[in-house]
Structure formats: C-alpha cells, structure tokens
Amino acid sequence: MRRVLASTAVLLSALTLATACGSDEEPSSGSTDPKVIEVTFEGDSVTPNGDRVEIERGQDVELEVTADEPGEIHVHSDPEQELAYAEGTTTVTIQGIDQPGTVDVESHTLDKVIVQLEVR
C-alpha cells in the first residue's frame, strides 16, 4: 500500500511540475499571413485617416503605399519603427508587434495618424 501511495505522490508531483513549466502566454490564434493595408498620400491628406485595424500578436503588417512624394511612416511600437517610402507605389512592412494594445502608425510630416493597430 505504501508503494502505491508513494508512486501516486511521485506521479502527481511530476504532473504538477510539467504543467508549471508551460508558458503563461495565450497562444496566438494566429495568422502567419501579413495584414495588408492600402495607404494613399495626396498633398496634405492620407487615407486611411485614423482607422482602427485589428491584428494578431506577432503578425506583420504590409503597407501598400501610393504617394505623390517620398516620406516616412512612424510606428509607435516597442521598439519604434520608421519606414521610408518612395514617390509612386512602395510596400513597407511593419514587423510583428508582440505587446497587446493599441499602436499608432502616423505621418509626422502631415501630423496625422494613418491607422491604429489593435494588437490582440
């Protein structure tokens, strides 16, 4: 009887340790495909202008930028990202953001928020 109790105790201890070593992070439901957002700069305006877009943690975002002159997009993530685009059509990639929350993507030249990424 003692051996059965001892074996049971060892088994329960092993199971407890195995589950304690698991990750506390929720798995991303996760699309590995990048989220694509079309962005247009014309004069002093940008489209979209402040829209909220949901993305998964770690998911890349591709901005397909059409612009009448070159410029730069600033991503207020950690670490921050600065993405240059050329006149005409350019695709720039925002590297996956791991921290849940809202991240502003903006044009400092126009002083406008392009999109707010809701990282889930």
PDB file of N, CA and C in Angstrom:
ATOM      1  N   MET A   1       0.818  -1.193   0.000  1.00  0.00           N
ATOM      2  CA  MET A   1       0.000   0.000   0.000  1.00  0.00           C
ATOM      3  C   MET A   1       0.866   1.262   0.000  1.00  0.00           C
ATOM      4  N   ARG A   2       1.998   1.208   0.756  1.00  0.00           N
ATOM      5  CA  ARG A   2       2.888   2.366   0.794  1.00  0.00           C
ATOM      6  C   ARG A   2       3.482   2.645  -0.581  1.00  0.00           C
ATOM      7  N   ARG A   3       3.800   1.577  -1.322  1.00  0.00           N
ATOM      8  CA  ARG A   3       4.372   1.772  -2.659  1.00  0.00           C
ATOM      9  C   ARG A   3       3.360   2.433  -3.591  1.00  0.00           C
ATOM     10  N   VAL A   4       2.103   2.058  -3.498  1.00  0.00           N
ATOM     11  CA  VAL A   4       1.063   2.660  -4.336  1.00  0.00           C
ATOM     12  C   VAL A   4       0.924   4.135  -3.999  1.00  0.00           C
ATOM     13  N   LEU A   5       0.891   4.471  -2.709  1.00  0.00           N
ATOM     14  CA  LEU A   5       0.792   5.868  -2.301  1.00  0.00           C
ATOM     15  C   LEU A   5       2.029   6.655  -2.726  1.00  0.00           C
ATOM     16  N   ALA A   6       3.194   6.072  -2.561  1.00  0.00           N
ATOM     17  CA  ALA A   6       4.436   6.739  -2.958  1.00  0.00           C
ATOM     18  C   ALA A   6       4.468   6.960  -4.469  1.00  0.00           C
ATOM     19  N   SER A   7       4.064   5.948  -5.208  1.00  0.00           N
ATOM     20  CA  SER A   7       4.040   6.072  -6.676  1.00  0.00           C
ATOM     21  C   SER A   7       3.050   7.144  -7.107  1.00  0.00           C
ATOM     22  N   THR A   8       1.902   7.176  -6.472  1.00  0.00           N
ATOM     23  CA  THR A   8       0.892   8.183  -6.797  1.00  0.00           C
ATOM     24  C   THR A   8       1.412   9.584  -6.494  1.00  0.00           C
ATOM     25  N   ALA A   9       2.084   9.737  -5.345  1.00  0.00           N
ATOM     26  CA  ALA A   9       2.636  11.034  -4.967  1.00  0.00           C
ATOM     27  C   ALA A   9       3.686  11.497  -5.971  1.00  0.00           C
ATOM     28  N   VAL A  10       4.550  10.584  -6.403  1.00  0.00           N
ATOM     29  CA  VAL A  10       5.578  10.930  -7.380  1.00  0.00           C
ATOM     30  C   VAL A  10       4.933  11.318  -8.708  1.00  0.00           C
ATOM     31  N   LEU A  11       3.942  10.578  -9.141  1.00  0.00           N
ATOM     32  CA  LEU A  11       3.250  10.864 -10.393  1.00  0.00           C
ATOM     33  C   LEU A  11       2.574  12.232 -10.351  1.00  0.00           C
ATOM     34  N   LEU A  12       1.877  12.537  -9.254  1.00  0.00           N
ATOM     35  CA  LEU A  12       1.211  13.833  -9.125  1.00  0.00           C
ATOM     36  C   LEU A  12       2.229  14.969  -9.091  1.00  0.00           C
ATOM     37  N   SER A  13       3.351  14.765  -8.428  1.00  0.00           N
ATOM     38  CA  SER A  13       4.399  15.791  -8.390  1.00  0.00           C
ATOM     39  C   SER A  13       4.952  16.044  -9.784  1.00  0.00           C
ATOM     40  N   ALA A  14       5.180  14.987 -10.538  1.00  0.00           N
ATOM     41  CA  ALA A  14       5.709  15.117 -11.894  1.00  0.00           C
ATOM     42  C   ALA A  14       4.720  15.861 -12.788  1.00  0.00           C
ATOM     43  N   LEU A  15       3.437  15.551 -12.662  1.00  0.00           N
ATOM     44  CA  LEU A  15       2.425  16.229 -13.464  1.00  0.00           C
ATOM     45  C   LEU A  15       2.339  17.707 -13.103  1.00  0.00           C
ATOM     46  N   THR A  16       2.433  18.017 -11.819  1.00  0.00           N
ATOM     47  CA  THR A  16       2.389  19.407 -11.379  1.00  0.00           C
ATOM     48  C   THR A  16       3.575  20.178 -11.942  1.00  0.00           C
ATOM     49  N   LEU A  17       4.766  19.611 -11.888  1.00  0.00           N
ATOM     50  CA  LEU A  17       5.949  20.274 -12.429  1.00  0.00           C
ATOM     51  C   LEU A  17       5.854  20.438 -13.938  1.00  0.00           C
ATOM     52  N   ALA A  18       5.328  19.448 -14.624  1.00  0.00           N
ATOM     53  CA  ALA A  18       5.218  19.523 -16.090  1.00  0.00           C
ATOM     54  C   ALA A  18       4.283  20.650 -16.497  1.00  0.00           C
ATOM     55  N   THR A  19       3.166  20.828 -15.790  1.00  0.00           N
ATOM     56  CA  THR A  19       2.248  21.900 -16.158  1.00  0.00           C
ATOM     57  C   THR A  19       2.767  23.248 -15.719  1.00  0.00           C
ATOM     58  N   ALA A  20       3.582  23.307 -14.659  1.00  0.00           N
ATOM     59  CA  ALA A  20       4.140  24.572 -14.196  1.00  0.00           C
ATOM     60  C   ALA A  20       5.178  25.112 -15.169  1.00  0.00           C
ATOM     61  N   CYS A  21       5.802  24.247 -15.944  1.00  0.00           N
ATOM     62  CA  CYS A  21       6.830  24.689 -16.887  1.00  0.00           C
ATOM     63  C   CYS A  21       6.244  25.241 -18.171  1.00  0.00           C
ATOM     64  N   GLY A  22       4.953  25.125 -18.355  1.00  0.00           N
ATOM     65  CA  GLY A  22       4.320  25.613 -19.576  1.00  0.00           C
ATOM     66  C   GLY A  22       4.330  27.125 -19.636  1.00  0.00           C
ATOM     67  N   SER A  23       4.053  27.676 -20.775  1.00  0.00           N
ATOM     68  CA  SER A  23       4.039  29.108 -20.978  1.00  0.00           C
ATOM     69  C   SER A  23       2.747  29.708 -20.453  1.00  0.00           C
ATOM     70  N   ASP A  24       2.847  30.891 -19.840  1.00  0.00           N
ATOM     71  CA  ASP A  24       1.662  31.603 -19.370  1.00  0.00           C
ATOM     72  C   ASP A  24       1.006  32.384 -20.499  1.00  0.00           C
ATOM     73  N   GLU A  25       1.696  32.549 -21.622  1.00  0.00           N
ATOM     74  CA  GLU A  25       1.139  33.307 -22.730  1.00  0.00           C
ATOM     75  C   GLU A  25       0.059  32.509 -23.425  1.00  0.00           C
ATOM     76  N   GLU A  26      -0.981  33.248 -23.820  1.00  0.00           N
ATOM     77  CA  GLU A  26      -2.024  32.600 -24.603  1.00  0.00           C
ATOM     78  C   GLU A  26      -1.479  32.387 -26.006  1.00  0.00           C
ATOM     79  N   PRO A  27      -1.781  31.238 -26.594  1.00  0.00           N
ATOM     80  CA  PRO A  27      -1.311  31.053 -27.965  1.00  0.00           C
ATOM     81  C   PRO A  27      -2.035  32.011 -28.899  1.00  0.00           C
ATOM     82  N   SER A  28      -1.311  32.515 -29.852  1.00  0.00           N
ATOM     83  CA  SER A  28      -1.928  33.380 -30.852  1.00  0.00           C
ATOM     84  C   SER A  28      -2.798  32.521 -31.756  1.00  0.00           C
ATOM     85  N   SER A  29      -3.998  33.019 -32.058  1.00  0.00           N
ATOM     86  CA  SER A  29      -4.874  32.261 -32.933  1.00  0.00           C
ATOM     87  C   SER A  29      -4.314  32.265 -34.325  1.00  0.00           C
ATOM     88  N   GLY A  30      -3.495  33.085 -34.531  1.00  0.00           N
ATOM     89  CA  GLY A  30      -2.552  33.429 -35.418  1.00  0.00           C
ATOM     90  C   GLY A  30      -2.470  33.142 -36.867  1.00  0.00           C
ATOM     91  N   SER A  31      -2.690  34.183 -37.558  1.00  0.00           N
ATOM     92  CA  SER A  31      -2.434  34.141 -38.978  1.00  0.00           C
ATOM     93  C   SER A  31      -0.960  34.447 -39.176  1.00  0.00           C
ATOM     94  N   THR A  32      -0.288  33.654 -39.970  1.00  0.00           N
ATOM     95  CA  THR A  32       1.099  33.965 -40.290  1.00  0.00           C
ATOM     96  C   THR A  32       1.157  34.875 -41.507  1.00  0.00           C
ATOM     97  N   ASP A  33       0.039  35.024 -42.197  1.00  0.00           N
ATOM     98  CA  ASP A  33      -0.011  35.926 -43.344  1.00  0.00           C
ATOM     99  C   ASP A  33      -0.017  37.368 -42.841  1.00  0.00           C
ATOM    100  N   PRO A  34       0.707  38.247 -43.518  1.00  0.00           N
ATOM    101  CA  PRO A  34       0.689  39.645 -43.087  1.00  0.00           C
ATOM    102  C   PRO A  34      -0.668  40.286 -43.367  1.00  0.00           C
ATOM    103  N   LYS A  35      -1.025  41.242 -42.539  1.00  0.00           N
ATOM    104  CA  LYS A  35      -2.218  42.062 -42.757  1.00  0.00           C
ATOM    105  C   LYS A  35      -1.815  43.133 -43.763  1.00  0.00           C
ATOM    106  N   VAL A  36      -2.604  43.310 -44.821  1.00  0.00           N
ATOM    107  CA  VAL A  36      -2.273  44.288 -45.865  1.00  0.00           C
ATOM    108  C   VAL A  36      -3.204  45.493 -45.732  1.00  0.00           C
ATOM    109  N   ILE A  37      -2.609  46.688 -45.684  1.00  0.00           N
ATOM    110  CA  ILE A  37      -3.376  47.928 -45.594  1.00  0.00           C
ATOM    111  C   ILE A  37      -2.913  48.854 -46.713  1.00  0.00           C
ATOM    112  N   GLU A  38      -3.853  49.325 -47.507  1.00  0.00           N
ATOM    113  CA  GLU A  38      -3.532  50.272 -48.574  1.00  0.00           C
ATOM    114  C   GLU A  38      -3.540  51.687 -48.006  1.00  0.00           C
ATOM    115  N   VAL A  39      -2.464  52.428 -48.278  1.00  0.00           N
ATOM    116  CA  VAL A  39      -2.308  53.793 -47.767  1.00  0.00           C
ATOM    117  C   VAL A  39      -2.044  54.712 -48.953  1.00  0.00           C
ATOM    118  N   THR A  40      -2.760  55.844 -49.001  1.00  0.00           N
ATOM    119  CA  THR A  40      -2.572  56.807 -50.085  1.00  0.00           C
ATOM    120  C   THR A  40      -2.268  58.182 -49.504  1.00  0.00           C
ATOM    121  N   PHE A  41      -1.151  58.759 -49.954  1.00  0.00           N
ATOM    122  CA  PHE A  41      -0.789  60.128 -49.602  1.00  0.00           C
ATOM    123  C   PHE A  41      -1.017  60.999 -50.823  1.00  0.00           C
ATOM    124  N   GLU A  42      -1.840  62.052 -50.661  1.00  0.00           N
ATOM    125  CA  GLU A  42      -2.081  63.016 -51.734  1.00  0.00           C
ATOM    126  C   GLU A  42      -2.064  64.402 -51.123  1.00  0.00           C
ATOM    127  N   GLY A  43      -1.039  65.180 -51.465  1.00  0.00           N
ATOM    128  CA  GLY A  43      -0.933  66.518 -50.881  1.00  0.00           C
ATOM    129  C   GLY A  43      -0.852  66.439 -49.366  1.00  0.00           C
ATOM    130  N   ASP A  44      -1.787  67.126 -48.695  1.00  0.00           N
ATOM    131  CA  ASP A  44      -1.809  67.158 -47.231  1.00  0.00           C
ATOM    132  C   ASP A  44      -2.771  66.143 -46.628  1.00  0.00           C
ATOM    133  N   SER A  45      -3.206  65.156 -47.413  1.00  0.00           N
ATOM    134  CA  SER A  45      -4.149  64.178 -46.874  1.00  0.00           C
ATOM    135  C   SER A  45      -3.595  62.758 -46.982  1.00  0.00           C
ATOM    136  N   VAL A  46      -4.114  61.900 -46.097  1.00  0.00           N
ATOM    137  CA  VAL A  46      -3.743  60.491 -46.104  1.00  0.00           C
ATOM    138  C   VAL A  46      -5.003  59.668 -45.895  1.00  0.00           C
ATOM    139  N   THR A  47      -5.054  58.547 -46.607  1.00  0.00           N
ATOM    140  CA  THR A  47      -6.159  57.603 -46.466  1.00  0.00           C
ATOM    141  C   THR A  47      -5.548  56.235 -46.257  1.00  0.00           C
ATOM    142  N   PRO A  48      -5.939  55.492 -45.236  1.00  0.00           N
ATOM    143  CA  PRO A  48      -6.948  55.814 -44.222  1.00  0.00           C
ATOM    144  C   PRO A  48      -6.436  56.901 -43.287  1.00  0.00           C
ATOM    145  N   ASN A  49      -7.342  57.427 -42.480  1.00  0.00           N
ATOM    146  CA  ASN A  49      -7.008  58.520 -41.580  1.00  0.00           C
ATOM    147  C   ASN A  49      -7.539  58.198 -40.184  1.00  0.00           C
ATOM    148  N   GLY A  50      -6.723  57.469 -39.403  1.00  0.00           N
ATOM    149  CA  GLY A  50      -7.093  57.156 -38.024  1.00  0.00           C
ATOM    150  C   GLY A  50      -7.924  55.899 -37.840  1.00  0.00           C
ATOM    151  N   ASP A  51      -8.117  55.099 -38.895  1.00  0.00           N
ATOM    152  CA  ASP A  51      -8.899  53.864 -38.778  1.00  0.00           C
ATOM    153  C   ASP A  51      -8.232  52.898 -37.803  1.00  0.00           C
ATOM    154  N   ARG A  52      -9.066  52.093 -37.116  1.00  0.00           N
ATOM    155  CA  ARG A  52      -8.546  51.029 -36.245  1.00  0.00           C
ATOM    156  C   ARG A  52      -8.543  49.721 -37.022  1.00  0.00           C
ATOM    157  N   VAL A  53      -7.429  48.998 -36.903  1.00  0.00           N
ATOM    158  CA  VAL A  53      -7.265  47.731 -37.607  1.00  0.00           C
ATOM    159  C   VAL A  53      -6.780  46.692 -36.607  1.00  0.00           C
ATOM    160  N   GLU A  54      -7.487  45.573 -36.506  1.00  0.00           N
ATOM    161  CA  GLU A  54      -7.096  44.504 -35.591  1.00  0.00           C
ATOM    162  C   GLU A  54      -6.058  43.607 -36.234  1.00  0.00           C
ATOM    163  N   ILE A  55      -5.022  43.281 -35.436  1.00  0.00           N
ATOM    164  CA  ILE A  55      -4.009  42.319 -35.871  1.00  0.00           C
ATOM    165  C   ILE A  55      -3.696  41.380 -34.712  1.00  0.00           C
ATOM    166  N   GLU A  56      -3.106  40.253 -35.039  1.00  0.00           N
ATOM    167  CA  GLU A  56      -2.683  39.282 -34.026  1.00  0.00           C
ATOM    168  C   GLU A  56      -1.292  39.658 -33.523  1.00  0.00           C
ATOM    169  N   ARG A  57      -0.987  39.266 -32.292  1.00  0.00           N
ATOM    170  CA  ARG A  57       0.369  39.470 -31.779  1.00  0.00           C
ATOM    171  C   ARG A  57       1.365  38.784 -32.716  1.00  0.00           C
ATOM    172  N   GLY A  58       2.428  39.501 -33.055  1.00  0.00           N
ATOM    173  CA  GLY A  58       3.476  38.948 -33.894  1.00  0.00           C
ATOM    174  C   GLY A  58       3.192  38.966 -35.381  1.00  0.00           C
ATOM    175  N   GLN A  59       2.000  39.378 -35.773  1.00  0.00           N
ATOM    176  CA  GLN A  59       1.635  39.398 -37.195  1.00  0.00           C
ATOM    177  C   GLN A  59       2.245  40.624 -37.872  1.00  0.00           C
ATOM    178  N   ASP A  60       2.935  40.417 -38.999  1.00  0.00           N
ATOM    179  CA  ASP A  60       3.462  41.533 -39.778  1.00  0.00           C
ATOM    180  C   ASP A  60       2.315  42.278 -40.441  1.00  0.00           C
ATOM    181  N   VAL A  61       2.556  43.562 -40.721  1.00  0.00           N
ATOM    182  CA  VAL A  61       1.585  44.392 -41.437  1.00  0.00           C
ATOM    183  C   VAL A  61       2.299  44.975 -42.647  1.00  0.00           C
ATOM    184  N   GLU A  62       1.745  44.748 -43.825  1.00  0.00           N
ATOM    185  CA  GLU A  62       2.300  45.329 -45.050  1.00  0.00           C
ATOM    186  C   GLU A  62       1.478  46.547 -45.428  1.00  0.00           C
ATOM    187  N   LEU A  63       2.154  47.682 -45.552  1.00  0.00           N
ATOM    188  CA  LEU A  63       1.505  48.906 -46.004  1.00  0.00           C
ATOM    189  C   LEU A  63       1.830  49.087 -47.475  1.00  0.00           C
ATOM    190  N   GLU A  64       0.802  49.045 -48.300  1.00  0.00           N
ATOM    191  CA  GLU A  64       0.980  49.308 -49.728  1.00  0.00           C
ATOM    192  C   GLU A  64       0.744  50.799 -49.921  1.00  0.00           C
ATOM    193  N   VAL A  65       1.842  51.539 -50.018  1.00  0.00           N
ATOM    194  CA  VAL A  65       1.793  52.996 -50.017  1.00  0.00           C
ATOM    195  C   VAL A  65       1.832  53.539 -51.441  1.00  0.00           C
ATOM    196  N   THR A  66       0.868  54.391 -51.758  1.00  0.00           N
ATOM    197  CA  THR A  66       0.875  55.152 -53.005  1.00  0.00           C
ATOM    198  C   THR A  66       1.009  56.613 -52.592  1.00  0.00           C
ATOM    199  N   ALA A  67       2.063  57.282 -53.082  1.00  0.00           N
ATOM    200  CA  ALA A  67       2.336  58.638 -52.614  1.00  0.00           C
ATOM    201  C   ALA A  67       2.765  59.546 -53.752  1.00  0.00           C
ATOM    202  N   ASP A  68       2.397  60.829 -53.626  1.00  0.00           N
ATOM    203  CA  ASP A  68       2.789  61.803 -54.633  1.00  0.00           C
ATOM    204  C   ASP A  68       4.181  62.380 -54.364  1.00  0.00           C
ATOM    205  N   GLU A  69       4.771  62.043 -53.211  1.00  0.00           N
ATOM    206  CA  GLU A  69       6.161  62.396 -52.908  1.00  0.00           C
ATOM    207  C   GLU A  69       6.677  61.448 -51.830  1.00  0.00           C
ATOM    208  N   PRO A  70       8.002  61.287 -51.716  1.00  0.00           N
ATOM    209  CA  PRO A  70       8.544  60.366 -50.722  1.00  0.00           C
ATOM    210  C   PRO A  70       8.308  60.869 -49.299  1.00  0.00           C
ATOM    211  N   GLY A  71       8.363  59.943 -48.360  1.00  0.00           N
ATOM    212  CA  GLY A  71       8.155  60.323 -46.961  1.00  0.00           C
ATOM    213  C   GLY A  71       8.508  59.187 -46.026  1.00  0.00           C
ATOM    214  N   GLU A  72       8.053  59.333 -44.787  1.00  0.00           N
ATOM    215  CA  GLU A  72       8.369  58.343 -43.773  1.00  0.00           C
ATOM    216  C   GLU A  72       7.158  58.110 -42.866  1.00  0.00           C
ATOM    217  N   ILE A  73       6.976  56.858 -42.492  1.00  0.00           N
ATOM    218  CA  ILE A  73       5.898  56.460 -41.582  1.00  0.00           C
ATOM    219  C   ILE A  73       6.550  56.059 -40.262  1.00  0.00           C
ATOM    220  N   HIS A  74       5.955  56.522 -39.170  1.00  0.00           N
ATOM    221  CA  HIS A  74       6.477  56.234 -37.832  1.00  0.00           C
ATOM    222  C   HIS A  74       5.497  55.312 -37.107  1.00  0.00           C
ATOM    223  N   VAL A  75       6.023  54.191 -36.583  1.00  0.00           N
ATOM    224  CA  VAL A  75       5.218  53.211 -35.854  1.00  0.00           C
ATOM    225  C   VAL A  75       5.610  53.304 -34.380  1.00  0.00           C
ATOM    226  N   HIS A  76       4.654  53.663 -33.529  1.00  0.00           N
ATOM    227  CA  HIS A  76       4.912  53.846 -32.099  1.00  0.00           C
ATOM    228  C   HIS A  76       4.823  52.524 -31.347  1.00  0.00           C
ATOM    229  N   SER A  77       5.648  51.561 -31.762  1.00  0.00           N
ATOM    230  CA  SER A  77       5.711  50.247 -31.107  1.00  0.00           C
ATOM    231  C   SER A  77       6.957  50.221 -30.237  1.00  0.00           C
ATOM    232  N   ASP A  78       7.191  49.110 -29.590  1.00  0.00           N
ATOM    233  CA  ASP A  78       8.397  48.950 -28.777  1.00  0.00           C
ATOM    234  C   ASP A  78       9.165  47.754 -29.298  1.00  0.00           C
ATOM    235  N   PRO A  79      10.250  47.929 -30.042  1.00  0.00           N
ATOM    236  CA  PRO A  79      10.881  49.197 -30.372  1.00  0.00           C
ATOM    237  C   PRO A  79      10.123  49.937 -31.474  1.00  0.00           C
ATOM    238  N   GLU A  80      10.328  51.257 -31.511  1.00  0.00           N
ATOM    239  CA  GLU A  80       9.677  52.060 -32.542  1.00  0.00           C
ATOM    240  C   GLU A  80      10.254  51.709 -33.911  1.00  0.00           C
ATOM    241  N   GLN A  81       9.437  51.914 -34.933  1.00  0.00           N
ATOM    242  CA  GLN A  81       9.868  51.601 -36.297  1.00  0.00           C
ATOM    243  C   GLN A  81       9.645  52.827 -37.182  1.00  0.00           C
ATOM    244  N   GLU A  82      10.597  53.104 -38.048  1.00  0.00           N
ATOM    245  CA  GLU A  82      10.480  54.177 -39.032  1.00  0.00           C
ATOM    246  C   GLU A  82      10.623  53.559 -40.409  1.00  0.00           C
ATOM    247  N   LEU A  83       9.642  53.811 -41.262  1.00  0.00           N
ATOM    248  CA  LEU A  83       9.590  53.165 -42.570  1.00  0.00           C
ATOM    249  C   LEU A  83       9.541  54.221 -43.665  1.00  0.00           C
ATOM    250  N   ALA A  84      10.553  54.232 -44.515  1.00  0.00           N
ATOM    251  CA  ALA A  84      10.603  55.189 -45.618  1.00  0.00           C
ATOM    252  C   ALA A  84       9.858  54.625 -46.821  1.00  0.00           C
ATOM    253  N   TYR A  85       9.187  55.515 -47.545  1.00  0.00           N
ATOM    254  CA  TYR A  85       8.523  55.123 -48.785  1.00  0.00           C
ATOM    255  C   TYR A  85       8.901  56.122 -49.880  1.00  0.00           C
ATOM    256  N   ALA A  86       8.825  55.663 -51.113  1.00  0.00           N
ATOM    257  CA  ALA A  86       9.210  56.477 -52.264  1.00  0.00           C
ATOM    258  C   ALA A  86       7.969  57.086 -52.921  1.00  0.00           C
ATOM    259  N   GLU A  87       8.208  58.008 -53.825  1.00  0.00           N
ATOM    260  CA  GLU A  87       7.125  58.522 -54.659  1.00  0.00           C
ATOM    261  C   GLU A  87       6.650  57.378 -55.547  1.00  0.00           C
ATOM    262  N   GLY A  88       5.361  57.292 -55.778  1.00  0.00           N
ATOM    263  CA  GLY A  88       4.801  56.188 -56.549  1.00  0.00           C
ATOM    264  C   GLY A  88       4.247  55.140 -55.599  1.00  0.00           C
ATOM    265  N   THR A  89       4.486  53.872 -55.909  1.00  0.00           N
ATOM    266  CA  THR A  89       3.957  52.788 -55.081  1.00  0.00           C
ATOM    267  C   THR A  89       5.099  52.033 -54.425  1.00  0.00           C
ATOM    268  N   THR A  90       4.999  51.871 -53.114  1.00  0.00           N
ATOM    269  CA  THR A  90       6.008  51.192 -52.315  1.00  0.00           C
ATOM    270  C   THR A  90       5.303  50.297 -51.309  1.00  0.00           C
ATOM    271  N   THR A  91       5.860  49.131 -51.039  1.00  0.00           N
ATOM    272  CA  THR A  91       5.353  48.285 -49.963  1.00  0.00           C
ATOM    273  C   THR A  91       6.378  48.295 -48.843  1.00  0.00           C
ATOM    274  N   VAL A  92       5.925  48.678 -47.652  1.00  0.00           N
ATOM    275  CA  VAL A  92       6.783  48.667 -46.462  1.00  0.00           C
ATOM    276  C   VAL A  92       6.150  47.740 -45.437  1.00  0.00           C
ATOM    277  N   THR A  93       6.980  47.115 -44.612  1.00  0.00           N
ATOM    278  CA  THR A  93       6.487  46.125 -43.653  1.00  0.00           C
ATOM    279  C   THR A  93       6.730  46.568 -42.226  1.00  0.00           C
ATOM    280  N   ILE A  94       5.663  46.562 -41.448  1.00  0.00           N
ATOM    281  CA  ILE A  94       5.758  46.765 -40.006  1.00  0.00           C
ATOM    282  C   ILE A  94       6.006  45.387 -39.418  1.00  0.00           C
ATOM    283  N   GLN A  95       7.139  45.230 -38.745  1.00  0.00           N
ATOM    284  CA  GLN A  95       7.484  43.945 -38.133  1.00  0.00           C
ATOM    285  C   GLN A  95       6.496  43.633 -37.022  1.00  0.00           C
ATOM    286  N   GLY A  96       6.186  42.347 -36.849  1.00  0.00           N
ATOM    287  CA  GLY A  96       5.223  41.896 -35.861  1.00  0.00           C
ATOM    288  C   GLY A  96       5.415  42.541 -34.496  1.00  0.00           C
ATOM    289  N   ILE A  97       4.318  42.929 -33.884  1.00  0.00           N
ATOM    290  CA  ILE A  97       4.315  43.570 -32.574  1.00  0.00           C
ATOM    291  C   ILE A  97       3.820  42.536 -31.568  1.00  0.00           C
ATOM    292  N   ASP A  98       4.609  42.285 -30.534  1.00  0.00           N
ATOM    293  CA  ASP A  98       4.281  41.230 -29.582  1.00  0.00           C
ATOM    294  C   ASP A  98       3.461  41.710 -28.389  1.00  0.00           C
ATOM    295  N   GLN A  99       3.464  42.997 -28.116  1.00  0.00           N
ATOM    296  CA  GLN A  99       2.780  43.529 -26.946  1.00  0.00           C
ATOM    297  C   GLN A  99       1.330  43.872 -27.297  1.00  0.00           C
ATOM    298  N   PRO A 100       0.341  43.248 -26.629  1.00  0.00           N
ATOM    299  CA  PRO A 100      -1.055  43.606 -26.890  1.00  0.00           C
ATOM    300  C   PRO A 100      -1.325  45.075 -26.561  1.00  0.00           C
ATOM    301  N   GLY A 101      -2.260  45.672 -27.276  1.00  0.00           N
ATOM    302  CA  GLY A 101      -2.628  47.070 -27.039  1.00  0.00           C
ATOM    303  C   GLY A 101      -2.823  47.790 -28.362  1.00  0.00           C
ATOM    304  N   THR A 102      -2.853  49.116 -28.281  1.00  0.00           N
ATOM    305  CA  THR A 102      -3.062  49.943 -29.466  1.00  0.00           C
ATOM    306  C   THR A 102      -1.767  50.654 -29.833  1.00  0.00           C
ATOM    307  N   VAL A 103      -1.403  50.562 -31.106  1.00  0.00           N
ATOM    308  CA  VAL A 103      -0.159  51.164 -31.603  1.00  0.00           C
ATOM    309  C   VAL A 103      -0.520  52.142 -32.716  1.00  0.00           C
ATOM    310  N   ASP A 104      -0.085  53.398 -32.548  1.00  0.00           N
ATOM    311  CA  ASP A 104      -0.330  54.402 -33.578  1.00  0.00           C
ATOM    312  C   ASP A 104       0.692  54.289 -34.696  1.00  0.00           C
ATOM    313  N   VAL A 105       0.202  54.412 -35.921  1.00  0.00           N
ATOM    314  CA  VAL A 105       1.046  54.457 -37.114  1.00  0.00           C
ATOM    315  C   VAL A 105       0.739  55.808 -37.748  1.00  0.00           C
ATOM    316  N   GLU A 106       1.772  56.663 -37.864  1.00  0.00           N
ATOM    317  CA  GLU A 106       1.475  58.027 -38.282  1.00  0.00           C
ATOM    318  C   GLU A 106       2.516  58.610 -39.225  1.00  0.00           C
ATOM    319  N   SER A 107       2.102  59.704 -39.831  1.00  0.00           N
ATOM    320  CA  SER A 107       2.998  60.517 -40.648  1.00  0.00           C
ATOM    321  C   SER A 107       3.335  61.744 -39.819  1.00  0.00           C
ATOM    322  N   HIS A 108       4.603  61.893 -39.447  1.00  0.00           N
ATOM    323  CA  HIS A 108       4.996  63.083 -38.693  1.00  0.00           C
ATOM    324  C   HIS A 108       4.985  64.308 -39.599  1.00  0.00           C
ATOM    325  N   THR A 109       5.255  64.108 -40.895  1.00  0.00           N
ATOM    326  CA  THR A 109       5.244  65.224 -41.839  1.00  0.00           C
ATOM    327  C   THR A 109       3.858  65.870 -41.889  1.00  0.00           C
ATOM    328  N   LEU A 110       2.816  65.039 -41.964  1.00  0.00           N
ATOM    329  CA  LEU A 110       1.444  65.554 -42.022  1.00  0.00           C
ATOM    330  C   LEU A 110       0.840  65.740 -40.639  1.00  0.00           C
ATOM    331  N   ASP A 111       1.510  65.223 -39.609  1.00  0.00           N
ATOM    332  CA  ASP A 111       0.990  65.258 -38.238  1.00  0.00           C
ATOM    333  C   ASP A 111      -0.400  64.601 -38.175  1.00  0.00           C
ATOM    334  N   LYS A 112      -0.494  63.399 -38.803  1.00  0.00           N
ATOM    335  CA  LYS A 112      -1.764  62.668 -38.845  1.00  0.00           C
ATOM    336  C   LYS A 112      -1.539  61.197 -38.535  1.00  0.00           C
ATOM    337  N   VAL A 113      -2.507  60.617 -37.817  1.00  0.00           N
ATOM    338  CA  VAL A 113      -2.490  59.176 -37.570  1.00  0.00           C
ATOM    339  C   VAL A 113      -3.067  58.491 -38.804  1.00  0.00           C
ATOM    340  N   ILE A 114      -2.330  57.530 -39.328  1.00  0.00           N
ATOM    341  CA  ILE A 114      -2.790  56.784 -40.505  1.00  0.00           C
ATOM    342  C   ILE A 114      -3.738  55.684 -40.047  1.00  0.00           C
ATOM    343  N   VAL A 115      -3.243  54.823 -39.171  1.00  0.00           N
ATOM    344  CA  VAL A 115      -4.071  53.752 -38.587  1.00  0.00           C
ATOM    345  C   VAL A 115      -3.646  53.545 -37.133  1.00  0.00           C
ATOM    346  N   GLN A 116      -4.555  52.942 -36.370  1.00  0.00           N
ATOM    347  CA  GLN A 116      -4.239  52.481 -35.034  1.00  0.00           C
ATOM    348  C   GLN A 116      -4.344  50.970 -35.076  1.00  0.00           C
ATOM    349  N   LEU A 117      -3.240  50.288 -34.807  1.00  0.00           N
ATOM    350  CA  LEU A 117      -3.229  48.836 -34.822  1.00  0.00           C
ATOM    351  C   LEU A 117      -3.653  48.332 -33.450  1.00  0.00           C
ATOM    352  N   GLU A 118      -4.718  47.537 -33.416  1.00  0.00           N
ATOM    353  CA  GLU A 118      -5.154  46.908 -32.165  1.00  0.00           C
ATOM    354  C   GLU A 118      -4.553  45.527 -32.127  1.00  0.00           C
ATOM    355  N   VAL A 119      -3.510  45.373 -31.335  1.00  0.00           N
ATOM    356  CA  VAL A 119      -2.774  44.111 -31.250  1.00  0.00           C
ATOM    357  C   VAL A 119      -3.455  43.243 -30.224  1.00  0.00           C
ATOM    358  N   ARG A 120      -3.891  42.042 -30.661  1.00  0.00           N
ATOM    359  CA  ARG A 120      -4.618  41.122 -29.769  1.00  0.00           C
ATOM    360  C   ARG A 120      -3.839  39.859 -29.559  1.00  0.00           C
TER     361      ARG A 120
END
